[in-house]
Structures are given as C-alpha cells and as structure tokens.
Amino acid sequence: MSLNKAMIIGRLGGNPEIKTISAGNTVANFSVATSENWTKDGEKKERTEWHKIVVWGKMADICGKYLSKGSSVYIEGRIQTRSWEDKDGQKRYTTEINANRVQFLDTKKSQSDSTSTDDNFAPAVTSEPQFNAGEEIPF
C-alpha cells in the first residue's frame, strides 16, 4: 500500500501563469508559500517553504481568473518529481504538487471587513487532472 497526498494552506507568491497546451488543455502554474514559526532561546524564528503548484483543465482556468499574488489558498494533490534537459543539455529536476483540489480562502468582501462568515469564502474547486501522464509540461 502507498499514499501520495499533499495538503497545504498558504499564500500565492505571484499571479498564476496560464498556458494552453495540446488538445486545448489548460495548465496553471504558481507558487504557494507556507510558513513555520517557533521560538528558540527566547528568539522568534520563521522559515518559509515555497511549493510549486500545477493545476489542470477547468480548475486551471478558474485559478487564473480568481487567484492573484497574495491570495490565500488550500491546495490538495499529489507530489510529483519530473526531469528535463535544459538548453545546455544538463538534466534538471523539479518537485511539484499536482492539485486535484483548490479552495480559495480569502473572503469575497474586503479584507478589512471584520464581519466575515463562512458564507464569504469562495467554494472549493475540484477536478481530476486532464492530461496524458506522458505529456510534457511546457515550461
């Protein structure tokens, strides 16, 4: 038995990059920062991890429309490492989260409105990836 599942909550480091690839499939790429805070020897410490996120199909279109730098999101998906050769012929690797669930956590109202309720949160968007596993991601 095995399990490959990642769940993170964080903020986008930049606007999603949206591309249309073969057969009209859409892919969104963006990074999400998660932070860890602790105190060591009376001094506050913080570490930020950056996660590469890949979203496919209709869910990618929705992310491109509604997410932007600083947006707070919940991402659920599987971790995947892939490789490619760069322009100099060097083999490169990257590890990404292929999202199958994206939930927007920012309220629909202004961030300064303190009367937010659960009804103000954007709905979750879920989808199965719409790509051929052998197809290369164009970036």
Foldseek 3Di string as FASTA:
>chain_A
DDDFKDKDKFFWQFQWDWDQDPPRKIKTKTKGKDKDWDADPNRIDMDIDIAIEIEIHPVRVVSNVPGGGGWIKIFMAGKDKDWDADPVRDIDIDIHGYGQKMWGADFPDDPPDPPDDPVRTGGMDGDDHDDDPPDDDDD
